[in-house]
Amino acid sequence: MRARLTESIRQVRKANLCAVLSEIKPRSPKEGDLLRGRDPVELARHMARCPIAGLSVVTEPKHFGGSLEMLERVASAVALPVLQKDFFTEEAELDSARLLGASAVLFSVSLLDDEALRALNAYARGIGLETVLEVHSKENLDRLEGIPMDILGLNNRDITVLETDNADVSVTESLASLVASDVLILSESSLKSPEDVRRAFRAGADCVLIGTAVLQADDLEGFLNSLIHAGS
C-alpha cells in the first residue's frame, strides 16, 4: 500500500536524510523543455531508485505541459507517494486525482479566494487526499488561520507570474519562522544545489521540492543523492 506523503517525509527525516520530493514537469515557462524527449515514467523510476520522500507530478497542460495521463502512468509505475500539482478549481478534478493515483494535491493560496480554498481543501481531505497549501507571502500565510492542512508549502517563486521571477531560498527563510512548530513545511522552487537544501532546512523546512534542477542534471540520480545527503 502506498504510504501517505506526510508519513514518508517523517520516515526519511528519521533516517537522518533530507526529505526531497523530486518532480516530473515537462516544461517550465522560465527554462523551456525539461523532458528533452525522455519518458516521464522512466524518469520517475530513476528518481525512485534514490531515497526520496515522494514524487511531484505537474499536470497543468497549458503552461507546464502536463497531463492526467502522465499522472496515471507515473503513479502506477512507482510505490512512492505522489503529489499532483495543478490549478484546481473543481471538486471533480480532485476525484480524478484520487482515482489516477495521487496521494496529495497542492493548492496555490494566491490563486484561490477564501471560499474556494476552504471548500476545495475540505473536499480533498474528505476523500482521503492529503493537502499542501502553498503560500508566497505573509499575506498568503495569514489567510490560512483556522484552515486544516497536512503540509504548508513555501514557494520561493511567485506562481501568479508562473514562477518566471528570479528567486532563491529567501522566502522560506523569511516565512518559516512564522509557522507553528507542528506544521510540516515544504520549501519549493529555486533550489538548485545541496547548499540551497541546507539553507531551507536551517530555516525550518522539513522537506524540499526540486524539479527543474533535477531534470536538468547530467547525472540525475547522482544529483538527487547529493541533495538527499546534503545534511550529512
Protein backbone atom coordinates (compact mmCIF):
# COMPACT_ATOMS: atom_id res chain seq x y z
CA MET A 1 0.00 0.00 0.00
CA ARG A 2 1.28 3.46 -0.92
CA ALA A 3 2.42 5.47 2.12
CA ARG A 4 0.94 8.86 2.89
CA LEU A 5 3.19 11.74 1.89
CA THR A 6 3.47 13.10 5.43
CA GLU A 7 4.41 9.66 6.73
CA SER A 8 7.05 9.23 4.04
CA ILE A 9 8.59 12.64 4.82
CA ARG A 10 8.84 11.76 8.50
CA GLN A 11 10.37 8.37 7.74
CA VAL A 12 13.10 9.96 5.61
CA ARG A 13 13.83 12.52 8.32
CA LYS A 14 14.07 9.74 10.93
CA ALA A 15 16.79 8.19 8.75
CA ASN A 16 18.74 11.48 9.12
CA LEU A 17 18.36 12.28 5.43
CA CYS A 18 17.00 15.42 3.80
CA ALA A 19 13.42 14.75 2.72
CA VAL A 20 13.29 15.56 -1.00
CA LEU A 21 10.33 15.49 -3.37
CA SER A 22 11.56 15.13 -6.93
CA GLU A 23 9.34 16.43 -9.71
CA ILE A 24 8.16 15.40 -13.14
CA LYS A 25 7.46 18.62 -15.05
CA PRO A 26 7.54 18.56 -18.87
CA ARG A 27 8.07 22.27 -19.37
CA SER A 28 8.93 25.42 -17.44
CA PRO A 29 7.80 28.88 -18.60
CA LYS A 30 11.22 30.10 -17.48
CA GLU A 31 13.50 27.24 -18.59
CA GLY A 32 11.59 25.70 -21.51
CA ASP A 33 11.53 21.99 -22.35
CA LEU A 34 12.64 19.87 -19.41
CA LEU A 35 11.88 16.34 -20.62
CA ARG A 36 14.01 16.65 -23.78
CA GLY A 37 12.34 13.63 -25.33
CA ARG A 38 12.64 11.44 -22.25
CA ASP A 39 9.81 9.24 -20.99
CA PRO A 40 8.32 10.61 -17.74
CA VAL A 41 7.80 7.08 -16.42
CA GLU A 42 11.44 6.15 -16.92
CA LEU A 43 12.50 9.39 -15.25
CA ALA A 44 10.21 8.60 -12.32
CA ARG A 45 11.73 5.14 -11.98
CA HIS A 46 15.23 6.61 -11.91
CA MET A 47 14.15 9.10 -9.25
CA ALA A 48 12.54 6.32 -7.19
CA ARG A 49 15.87 4.47 -7.01
CA CYS A 50 17.01 7.24 -4.66
CA PRO A 51 15.64 7.53 -1.09
CA ILE A 52 13.32 10.42 -1.93
CA ALA A 53 10.21 11.10 0.15
CA GLY A 54 7.89 11.26 -2.84
CA LEU A 55 7.26 12.44 -6.37
CA SER A 56 5.55 15.59 -7.57
CA VAL A 57 3.78 15.44 -10.94
CA VAL A 58 2.75 18.68 -12.64
CA THR A 59 -0.41 18.04 -14.66
CA GLU A 60 -1.24 21.62 -15.77
CA PRO A 61 -1.15 21.44 -19.60
CA LYS A 62 -1.08 25.00 -20.96
CA HIS A 63 1.99 26.44 -19.26
CA PHE A 64 3.77 23.36 -17.89
CA GLY A 65 2.95 20.69 -20.48
CA GLY A 66 1.48 18.21 -18.01
CA SER A 67 -1.44 15.81 -18.33
CA LEU A 68 -3.62 13.49 -16.29
CA GLU A 69 -2.43 10.61 -18.45
CA MET A 70 1.13 11.30 -17.29
CA LEU A 71 -0.01 11.33 -13.67
CA GLU A 72 -1.70 7.95 -14.06
CA ARG A 73 1.33 6.40 -15.77
CA VAL A 74 3.79 7.70 -13.19
CA ALA A 75 1.64 6.81 -10.19
CA SER A 76 1.16 3.26 -11.45
CA ALA A 77 4.91 2.82 -12.04
CA VAL A 78 6.21 3.78 -8.56
CA ALA A 79 5.26 2.92 -4.99
CA LEU A 80 6.14 6.37 -3.64
CA PRO A 81 3.54 8.94 -2.58
CA VAL A 82 2.62 11.19 -5.50
CA LEU A 83 1.75 14.88 -5.16
CA GLN A 84 -0.32 16.28 -8.02
CA LYS A 85 0.30 19.94 -8.84
CA ASP A 86 -2.28 21.78 -10.93
CA PHE A 87 -4.54 24.82 -10.79
CA PHE A 88 -7.51 23.09 -9.17
CA THR A 89 -10.89 24.81 -9.28
CA GLU A 90 -13.47 21.99 -9.10
CA GLU A 91 -14.21 19.01 -6.89
CA ALA A 92 -14.37 16.69 -9.92
CA GLU A 93 -10.67 17.39 -10.54
CA LEU A 94 -9.92 16.11 -7.05
CA ASP A 95 -11.94 12.96 -7.66
CA SER A 96 -9.78 12.38 -10.74
CA ALA A 97 -6.60 12.99 -8.73
CA ARG A 98 -7.50 10.25 -6.26
CA LEU A 99 -8.68 7.87 -8.99
CA LEU A 100 -5.46 8.30 -11.01
CA GLY A 101 -3.15 7.60 -8.07
CA ALA A 102 -2.33 10.91 -6.39
CA SER A 103 -1.70 10.75 -2.65
CA ALA A 104 -1.82 14.52 -2.19
CA VAL A 105 -2.75 17.68 -4.06
CA LEU A 106 -1.41 21.22 -3.92
CA PHE A 107 -3.50 24.39 -3.73
CA SER A 108 -1.87 27.74 -4.51
CA VAL A 109 -3.37 30.14 -1.99
CA SER A 110 -2.70 33.20 -4.14
CA LEU A 111 -4.83 31.76 -6.98
CA LEU A 112 -7.95 30.97 -4.92
CA ASP A 113 -10.33 33.13 -2.94
CA ASP A 114 -11.03 32.17 0.66
CA GLU A 115 -14.30 30.39 -0.04
CA ALA A 116 -12.88 28.25 -2.85
CA LEU A 117 -9.72 27.46 -0.90
CA ARG A 118 -11.64 26.26 2.14
CA ALA A 119 -14.13 24.26 0.09
CA LEU A 120 -11.57 22.51 -2.12
CA ASN A 121 -9.25 21.80 0.79
CA ALA A 122 -12.09 20.28 2.83
CA TYR A 123 -13.30 18.19 -0.08
CA ALA A 124 -9.83 16.85 -0.87
CA ARG A 125 -9.22 15.85 2.73
CA GLY A 126 -12.69 14.33 2.90
CA ILE A 127 -11.93 11.90 0.06
CA GLY A 128 -8.60 10.86 1.55
CA LEU A 129 -6.15 13.17 -0.21
CA GLU A 130 -3.53 15.00 1.80
CA THR A 131 -3.27 18.69 1.01
CA VAL A 132 -0.35 21.06 0.53
CA LEU A 133 -1.37 24.70 0.92
CA GLU A 134 1.18 26.84 -0.91
CA VAL A 135 1.99 30.44 0.01
CA HIS A 136 4.48 33.01 -1.26
CA SER A 137 3.99 35.84 1.21
CA LYS A 138 2.97 36.67 4.76
CA GLU A 139 -0.35 37.91 3.38
CA ASN A 140 -0.97 34.44 1.92
CA LEU A 141 0.08 32.84 5.19
CA ASP A 142 -2.30 34.98 7.25
CA ARG A 143 -5.24 33.71 5.18
CA LEU A 144 -4.65 30.16 6.39
CA GLU A 145 -5.61 30.74 10.00
CA GLY A 146 -8.07 28.05 11.04
CA ILE A 147 -7.72 26.00 7.84
CA PRO A 148 -6.52 22.41 8.43
CA MET A 149 -3.73 21.18 6.21
CA ASP A 150 -1.20 18.38 6.04
CA ILE A 151 1.74 20.35 4.67
CA LEU A 152 2.46 24.07 4.26
CA GLY A 153 4.28 24.86 1.03
CA LEU A 154 6.56 27.90 0.92
CA ASN A 155 7.02 28.76 -2.75
CA ASN A 156 10.18 30.79 -3.19
CA ARG A 157 8.87 31.94 -6.58
CA ASP A 158 5.62 33.68 -7.47
CA ILE A 159 3.10 31.36 -9.12
CA THR A 160 0.99 34.34 -10.24
CA VAL A 161 3.71 35.08 -12.82
CA LEU A 162 4.18 31.34 -13.48
CA GLU A 163 7.40 31.26 -11.43
CA THR A 164 9.33 33.25 -14.03
CA ASP A 165 10.72 35.60 -11.38
CA ASN A 166 14.29 35.31 -10.13
CA ALA A 167 14.44 33.99 -6.59
CA ASP A 168 16.39 31.96 -4.09
CA VAL A 169 15.53 30.39 -0.74
CA SER A 170 14.84 33.78 0.88
CA VAL A 171 11.06 33.32 1.02
CA THR A 172 11.49 30.13 3.01
CA GLU A 173 13.97 31.87 5.28
CA SER A 174 11.60 34.78 5.92
CA LEU A 175 8.37 32.80 6.43
CA ALA A 176 9.33 29.50 8.07
CA SER A 177 9.87 31.09 11.48
CA LEU A 178 6.26 32.36 11.44
CA VAL A 179 4.82 28.84 11.15
CA ALA A 180 3.70 26.74 14.11
CA SER A 181 6.18 24.04 15.06
CA ASP A 182 3.70 21.19 14.49
CA VAL A 183 3.19 22.05 10.80
CA LEU A 184 5.26 20.26 8.16
CA ILE A 185 6.97 22.83 5.93
CA LEU A 186 7.80 22.18 2.28
CA SER A 187 10.22 24.59 0.58
CA GLU A 188 9.55 24.80 -3.17
CA SER A 189 11.15 26.31 -6.27
CA SER A 190 14.55 27.88 -6.95
CA LEU A 191 16.51 25.22 -5.03
CA LYS A 192 19.43 24.25 -7.23
CA SER A 193 22.17 22.80 -5.02
CA PRO A 194 22.96 20.99 -1.77
CA GLU A 195 23.69 24.39 -0.20
CA ASP A 196 20.19 25.60 -1.12
CA VAL A 197 18.79 22.49 0.57
CA ARG A 198 20.86 23.19 3.67
CA ARG A 199 19.59 26.78 3.73
CA ALA A 200 15.98 25.60 3.57
CA PHE A 201 16.43 23.11 6.39
CA ARG A 202 18.33 25.60 8.55
CA ALA A 203 15.39 27.98 8.10
CA GLY A 204 12.96 25.36 9.39
CA ALA A 205 11.81 23.34 6.36
CA ASP A 206 11.00 19.67 6.87
CA CYS A 207 11.24 18.82 3.19
CA VAL A 208 12.09 20.39 -0.17
CA LEU A 209 10.60 20.06 -3.64
CA ILE A 210 13.07 20.24 -6.51
CA GLY A 211 12.04 19.89 -10.13
CA THR A 212 13.91 21.87 -12.76
CA ALA A 213 17.41 21.38 -11.33
CA VAL A 214 16.92 17.61 -11.11
CA LEU A 215 15.56 17.35 -14.65
CA GLN A 216 18.46 19.45 -15.99
CA ALA A 217 21.15 17.47 -14.17
CA ASP A 218 23.57 15.44 -16.29
CA ASP A 219 23.57 12.69 -13.65
CA LEU A 220 20.02 12.69 -12.32
CA GLU A 221 20.45 10.02 -9.64
CA GLY A 222 23.83 11.35 -8.52
CA PHE A 223 22.46 14.87 -8.20
CA LEU A 224 19.37 13.69 -6.30
CA ASN A 225 21.53 11.74 -3.87
CA SER A 226 23.71 14.79 -3.27
CA LEU A 227 20.57 16.71 -2.25
CA ILE A 228 19.26 13.92 -0.03
CA HIS A 229 22.59 13.71 1.77
CA ALA A 230 23.12 17.49 1.92
CA GLY A 231 22.88 17.43 5.69
CA SER A 232 25.49 14.71 6.17
